[in-house]
């Protein structure tokens, strides 16, 4: 996850300073564990035509940056699961029932 975090930090600081969630680049053991769990359990699950694993391992793409930013905000409680789902569905031209959407939400800690 350090490669993902460092790539995202660079991209956020250079291109999208205002758009990236604060914890998208800070080290947070609980969030890191959440991402590790998503990588293990959701890697081959799709949102639209995109694998969740591709979004986690290609931090330099606009799609991956959006996924990581929105997922970070979801984890931090800054956006609701429904807002995250709506964004994922719109951005990746998927459906709420897509396996990648459901997998990420399944691993979101209960608050």
N, C-alpha and C. Protein backbone atom coordinates (compact mmCIF):
# COMPACT_ATOMS: atom_id res chain seq x y z
N UNK A 1 0.81 -1.20 0.00
CA UNK A 1 0.00 0.00 0.00
C UNK A 1 0.86 1.27 0.00
N UNK A 2 2.14 1.17 0.43
CA UNK A 2 2.99 2.36 0.43
C UNK A 2 3.20 2.90 -0.97
N UNK A 3 3.29 2.02 -1.98
CA UNK A 3 3.43 2.48 -3.36
C UNK A 3 2.19 3.24 -3.79
N UNK A 4 1.03 2.71 -3.44
CA UNK A 4 -0.23 3.39 -3.76
C UNK A 4 -0.26 4.75 -3.10
N UNK A 5 0.07 4.78 -1.80
CA UNK A 5 0.02 6.02 -1.04
C UNK A 5 1.01 7.05 -1.57
N UNK A 6 2.24 6.64 -1.90
CA UNK A 6 3.22 7.61 -2.38
C UNK A 6 2.85 8.13 -3.76
N UNK A 7 2.35 7.26 -4.63
CA UNK A 7 1.91 7.71 -5.95
C UNK A 7 0.74 8.67 -5.84
N UNK A 8 -0.20 8.35 -4.96
CA UNK A 8 -1.37 9.21 -4.76
C UNK A 8 -0.95 10.54 -4.13
N UNK A 9 -0.02 10.49 -3.20
CA UNK A 9 0.44 11.74 -2.57
C UNK A 9 1.07 12.66 -3.60
N UNK A 10 1.89 12.11 -4.47
CA UNK A 10 2.52 12.92 -5.51
C UNK A 10 1.48 13.51 -6.43
N UNK A 11 0.55 12.68 -6.89
CA UNK A 11 -0.49 13.16 -7.78
C UNK A 11 -1.35 14.23 -7.11
N UNK A 12 -1.71 14.01 -5.85
CA UNK A 12 -2.54 14.98 -5.14
C UNK A 12 -1.81 16.31 -4.98
N UNK A 13 -0.52 16.23 -4.64
CA UNK A 13 0.20 17.48 -4.39
C UNK A 13 0.48 18.25 -5.66
N UNK A 14 0.63 17.57 -6.77
CA UNK A 14 0.95 18.24 -8.01
C UNK A 14 -0.29 18.68 -8.78
N UNK A 15 -1.28 17.80 -8.89
CA UNK A 15 -2.39 18.05 -9.80
C UNK A 15 -3.69 18.40 -9.09
N UNK A 16 -4.00 17.72 -8.04
CA UNK A 16 -5.35 17.81 -7.47
C UNK A 16 -5.35 18.22 -6.00
N UNK A 17 -4.56 19.18 -5.63
CA UNK A 17 -4.39 19.53 -4.24
C UNK A 17 -5.72 19.69 -3.51
N UNK A 18 -6.62 20.42 -4.03
CA UNK A 18 -7.88 20.67 -3.34
C UNK A 18 -8.85 19.51 -3.40
N UNK A 19 -8.65 18.61 -4.34
CA UNK A 19 -9.62 17.53 -4.54
C UNK A 19 -9.34 16.29 -3.72
N UNK A 20 -8.13 16.10 -3.21
CA UNK A 20 -7.80 14.86 -2.53
C UNK A 20 -8.15 14.93 -1.04
N UNK A 21 -8.72 13.84 -0.56
CA UNK A 21 -9.05 13.75 0.86
C UNK A 21 -7.77 13.78 1.67
N UNK A 22 -7.81 14.41 2.85
CA UNK A 22 -6.60 14.55 3.66
C UNK A 22 -5.95 13.22 4.00
N UNK A 23 -6.74 12.19 4.27
CA UNK A 23 -6.14 10.92 4.66
C UNK A 23 -5.80 10.05 3.47
N UNK A 24 -5.94 10.56 2.26
CA UNK A 24 -5.55 9.80 1.08
C UNK A 24 -4.03 9.64 1.01
N UNK A 25 -3.30 10.51 1.70
CA UNK A 25 -1.85 10.42 1.64
C UNK A 25 -1.19 10.27 2.99
N UNK A 26 -1.88 10.51 4.07
CA UNK A 26 -1.32 10.33 5.40
C UNK A 26 -1.34 8.85 5.77
N UNK A 27 -0.34 8.43 6.50
CA UNK A 27 -0.32 7.07 6.99
C UNK A 27 -1.34 6.92 8.12
N UNK A 28 -2.19 5.93 8.00
CA UNK A 28 -3.21 5.64 9.00
C UNK A 28 -3.34 4.13 9.04
N UNK A 29 -2.85 3.49 10.10
CA UNK A 29 -2.86 2.02 10.15
C UNK A 29 -4.24 1.40 9.95
N UNK A 30 -5.28 2.00 10.48
CA UNK A 30 -6.63 1.45 10.32
C UNK A 30 -7.08 1.55 8.86
N UNK A 31 -6.81 2.68 8.24
CA UNK A 31 -7.17 2.86 6.82
C UNK A 31 -6.32 1.94 5.94
N UNK A 32 -5.04 1.82 6.26
CA UNK A 32 -4.17 0.90 5.52
C UNK A 32 -4.70 -0.52 5.59
N UNK A 33 -5.16 -0.92 6.76
CA UNK A 33 -5.73 -2.26 6.94
C UNK A 33 -6.99 -2.42 6.09
N UNK A 34 -7.83 -1.39 6.05
CA UNK A 34 -9.03 -1.40 5.22
C UNK A 34 -8.66 -1.58 3.75
N UNK A 35 -7.66 -0.83 3.27
CA UNK A 35 -7.23 -0.96 1.88
C UNK A 35 -6.64 -2.34 1.61
N UNK A 36 -5.86 -2.86 2.56
CA UNK A 36 -5.30 -4.20 2.39
C UNK A 36 -6.42 -5.23 2.27
N UNK A 37 -7.43 -5.08 3.09
CA UNK A 37 -8.57 -6.00 3.06
C UNK A 37 -9.30 -5.91 1.71
N UNK A 38 -9.50 -4.70 1.23
CA UNK A 38 -10.14 -4.51 -0.07
C UNK A 38 -9.28 -5.13 -1.17
N UNK A 39 -7.96 -4.94 -1.08
CA UNK A 39 -7.09 -5.50 -2.10
C UNK A 39 -7.18 -7.03 -2.09
N UNK A 40 -7.22 -7.64 -0.93
CA UNK A 40 -7.30 -9.11 -0.84
C UNK A 40 -8.66 -9.63 -1.30
N UNK A 41 -9.73 -9.02 -0.84
CA UNK A 41 -11.07 -9.55 -1.04
C UNK A 41 -11.76 -9.06 -2.33
N UNK A 42 -11.39 -7.87 -2.79
CA UNK A 42 -12.14 -7.24 -3.88
C UNK A 42 -11.33 -7.08 -5.16
N UNK A 43 -10.11 -7.55 -5.17
CA UNK A 43 -9.18 -7.28 -6.26
C UNK A 43 -9.78 -7.54 -7.65
N UNK A 44 -10.42 -8.68 -7.82
CA UNK A 44 -10.94 -9.04 -9.15
C UNK A 44 -12.42 -8.68 -9.33
N UNK A 45 -12.98 -7.98 -8.37
CA UNK A 45 -14.38 -7.56 -8.48
C UNK A 45 -14.45 -6.31 -9.36
N UNK A 46 -15.52 -6.19 -10.09
CA UNK A 46 -15.65 -5.08 -11.05
C UNK A 46 -16.65 -4.02 -10.58
N UNK A 47 -16.33 -2.79 -10.97
CA UNK A 47 -17.27 -1.68 -10.92
C UNK A 47 -17.36 -1.23 -12.37
N UNK A 48 -18.51 -1.45 -12.97
CA UNK A 48 -18.61 -1.24 -14.41
C UNK A 48 -17.71 -2.25 -15.10
N UNK A 49 -16.77 -1.76 -15.90
CA UNK A 49 -15.84 -2.66 -16.58
C UNK A 49 -14.44 -2.62 -15.97
N UNK A 50 -14.31 -1.99 -14.81
CA UNK A 50 -13.01 -1.80 -14.18
C UNK A 50 -12.85 -2.68 -12.94
N UNK A 51 -11.73 -3.38 -12.85
CA UNK A 51 -11.41 -4.17 -11.66
C UNK A 51 -10.99 -3.25 -10.52
N UNK A 52 -11.45 -3.55 -9.33
CA UNK A 52 -11.03 -2.80 -8.15
C UNK A 52 -9.50 -2.88 -8.00
N UNK A 53 -8.93 -4.03 -8.29
CA UNK A 53 -7.48 -4.19 -8.18
C UNK A 53 -6.71 -3.23 -9.07
N UNK A 54 -7.22 -2.99 -10.27
CA UNK A 54 -6.56 -2.03 -11.15
C UNK A 54 -6.59 -0.63 -10.56
N UNK A 55 -7.66 -0.31 -9.87
CA UNK A 55 -7.77 1.01 -9.25
C UNK A 55 -6.81 1.15 -8.07
N UNK A 56 -6.51 0.05 -7.41
CA UNK A 56 -5.60 0.08 -6.27
C UNK A 56 -4.13 0.06 -6.68
N UNK A 57 -3.84 -0.52 -7.83
CA UNK A 57 -2.43 -0.71 -8.21
C UNK A 57 -1.94 0.23 -9.30
N UNK A 58 -2.79 1.10 -9.80
CA UNK A 58 -2.40 2.08 -10.83
C UNK A 58 -2.69 3.49 -10.34
N UNK A 59 -1.95 3.95 -9.32
CA UNK A 59 -2.29 5.22 -8.68
C UNK A 59 -2.14 6.46 -9.55
N UNK A 60 -1.51 6.36 -10.68
CA UNK A 60 -1.31 7.53 -11.52
C UNK A 60 -2.45 7.84 -12.47
N UNK A 61 -3.48 7.00 -12.51
CA UNK A 61 -4.57 7.24 -13.43
C UNK A 61 -5.66 8.09 -12.77
N UNK A 62 -6.41 8.79 -13.59
CA UNK A 62 -7.51 9.62 -13.07
C UNK A 62 -8.56 8.74 -12.39
N UNK A 63 -8.82 7.56 -12.98
CA UNK A 63 -9.80 6.64 -12.40
C UNK A 63 -9.36 6.18 -11.02
N UNK A 64 -8.09 5.78 -10.90
CA UNK A 64 -7.57 5.31 -9.61
C UNK A 64 -7.56 6.44 -8.58
N UNK A 65 -7.18 7.63 -9.01
CA UNK A 65 -7.16 8.77 -8.10
C UNK A 65 -8.56 9.06 -7.57
N UNK A 66 -9.54 9.04 -8.44
CA UNK A 66 -10.92 9.28 -8.01
C UNK A 66 -11.40 8.19 -7.06
N UNK A 67 -11.10 6.94 -7.40
CA UNK A 67 -11.49 5.83 -6.54
C UNK A 67 -10.86 5.98 -5.16
N UNK A 68 -9.56 6.22 -5.11
CA UNK A 68 -8.87 6.34 -3.82
C UNK A 68 -9.36 7.54 -3.03
N UNK A 69 -9.57 8.66 -3.69
CA UNK A 69 -10.05 9.85 -3.01
C UNK A 69 -11.43 9.62 -2.41
N UNK A 70 -12.34 9.11 -3.21
CA UNK A 70 -13.70 8.88 -2.73
C UNK A 70 -13.76 7.78 -1.68
N UNK A 71 -12.95 6.76 -1.84
CA UNK A 71 -12.92 5.67 -0.85
C UNK A 71 -12.33 6.15 0.46
N UNK A 72 -11.34 7.02 0.39
CA UNK A 72 -10.77 7.62 1.59
C UNK A 72 -11.82 8.46 2.32
N UNK A 73 -12.57 9.24 1.56
CA UNK A 73 -13.64 10.06 2.15
C UNK A 73 -14.74 9.19 2.76
N UNK A 74 -15.04 8.09 2.09
CA UNK A 74 -16.03 7.15 2.62
C UNK A 74 -15.54 6.58 3.94
N UNK A 75 -14.32 6.11 3.97
CA UNK A 75 -13.75 5.52 5.19
C UNK A 75 -13.73 6.54 6.34
N UNK A 76 -13.41 7.78 6.02
CA UNK A 76 -13.32 8.83 7.04
C UNK A 76 -14.69 9.34 7.50
N UNK A 77 -15.76 8.90 6.83
CA UNK A 77 -17.10 9.35 7.19
C UNK A 77 -17.45 10.70 6.62
N UNK A 78 -16.66 11.19 5.65
CA UNK A 78 -16.93 12.49 5.04
C UNK A 78 -18.03 12.42 3.99
N UNK A 79 -18.24 11.23 3.44
CA UNK A 79 -19.35 11.01 2.52
C UNK A 79 -20.07 9.73 2.95
N UNK A 80 -21.32 9.62 2.59
CA UNK A 80 -22.11 8.45 2.95
C UNK A 80 -21.83 7.30 1.98
N UNK A 81 -22.15 6.09 2.41
CA UNK A 81 -22.02 4.96 1.48
C UNK A 81 -22.85 5.17 0.21
N UNK A 82 -24.03 5.77 0.33
CA UNK A 82 -24.86 6.01 -0.85
C UNK A 82 -24.21 7.03 -1.79
N UNK A 83 -23.61 8.06 -1.23
CA UNK A 83 -22.92 9.05 -2.05
C UNK A 83 -21.72 8.42 -2.76
N UNK A 84 -20.96 7.61 -2.03
CA UNK A 84 -19.82 6.90 -2.63
C UNK A 84 -20.31 6.00 -3.76
N UNK A 85 -21.36 5.23 -3.48
CA UNK A 85 -21.91 4.31 -4.48
C UNK A 85 -22.36 5.07 -5.72
N UNK A 86 -23.08 6.16 -5.54
CA UNK A 86 -23.55 6.96 -6.67
C UNK A 86 -22.38 7.48 -7.50
N UNK A 87 -21.33 7.91 -6.83
CA UNK A 87 -20.14 8.40 -7.54
C UNK A 87 -19.46 7.29 -8.32
N UNK A 88 -19.32 6.13 -7.69
CA UNK A 88 -18.68 4.99 -8.37
C UNK A 88 -19.49 4.57 -9.60
N UNK A 89 -20.79 4.48 -9.43
CA UNK A 89 -21.67 4.06 -10.51
C UNK A 89 -21.60 5.06 -11.67
N UNK A 90 -21.60 6.33 -11.36
CA UNK A 90 -21.54 7.36 -12.41
C UNK A 90 -20.16 7.37 -13.08
N UNK A 91 -19.11 7.34 -12.29
CA UNK A 91 -17.76 7.47 -12.84
C UNK A 91 -17.36 6.25 -13.66
N UNK A 92 -17.74 5.06 -13.20
CA UNK A 92 -17.32 3.84 -13.87
C UNK A 92 -18.42 3.20 -14.71
N UNK A 93 -19.52 3.93 -14.88
CA UNK A 93 -20.65 3.47 -15.68
C UNK A 93 -21.09 2.07 -15.27
N UNK A 94 -21.24 1.91 -13.96
CA UNK A 94 -21.63 0.62 -13.41
C UNK A 94 -23.02 0.66 -12.81
N UNK A 95 -23.25 -0.28 -11.89
CA UNK A 95 -24.52 -0.37 -11.19
C UNK A 95 -24.26 -0.53 -9.70
N UNK A 96 -25.23 -0.16 -8.90
CA UNK A 96 -25.09 -0.33 -7.46
C UNK A 96 -24.84 -1.78 -7.08
N UNK A 97 -25.36 -2.69 -7.87
CA UNK A 97 -25.21 -4.11 -7.58
C UNK A 97 -23.89 -4.70 -8.07
N UNK A 98 -23.04 -3.91 -8.70
CA UNK A 98 -21.76 -4.43 -9.18
C UNK A 98 -20.96 -5.03 -8.03
N UNK A 99 -20.30 -6.16 -8.26
CA UNK A 99 -19.57 -6.85 -7.20
C UNK A 99 -18.51 -5.99 -6.50
N UNK A 100 -17.83 -5.12 -7.25
CA UNK A 100 -16.81 -4.26 -6.65
C UNK A 100 -17.39 -3.26 -5.67
N UNK A 101 -18.54 -2.70 -6.01
CA UNK A 101 -19.23 -1.76 -5.11
C UNK A 101 -19.63 -2.49 -3.83
N UNK A 102 -20.27 -3.62 -3.99
CA UNK A 102 -20.76 -4.37 -2.83
C UNK A 102 -19.61 -4.88 -1.96
N UNK A 103 -18.51 -5.28 -2.58
CA UNK A 103 -17.37 -5.78 -1.83
C UNK A 103 -16.74 -4.69 -0.96
N UNK A 104 -16.52 -3.51 -1.54
CA UNK A 104 -15.93 -2.41 -0.77
C UNK A 104 -16.86 -2.04 0.40
N UNK A 105 -18.13 -1.91 0.12
CA UNK A 105 -19.08 -1.54 1.17
C UNK A 105 -19.15 -2.60 2.27
N UNK A 106 -19.01 -3.86 1.90
CA UNK A 106 -19.06 -4.95 2.87
C UNK A 106 -17.91 -4.83 3.88
N UNK A 107 -16.78 -4.32 3.45
CA UNK A 107 -15.60 -4.21 4.31
C UNK A 107 -15.50 -2.88 5.04
N UNK A 108 -16.41 -1.97 4.77
CA UNK A 108 -16.40 -0.68 5.46
C UNK A 108 -16.73 -0.91 6.93
N UNK A 109 -15.90 -0.41 7.84
CA UNK A 109 -16.18 -0.60 9.27
C UNK A 109 -17.54 0.04 9.64
N UNK A 110 -18.25 -0.63 10.50
CA UNK A 110 -19.53 -0.09 11.00
C UNK A 110 -19.23 1.07 11.95
N UNK A 111 -20.04 2.09 11.85
CA UNK A 111 -19.86 3.27 12.72
C UNK A 111 -21.04 3.44 13.61
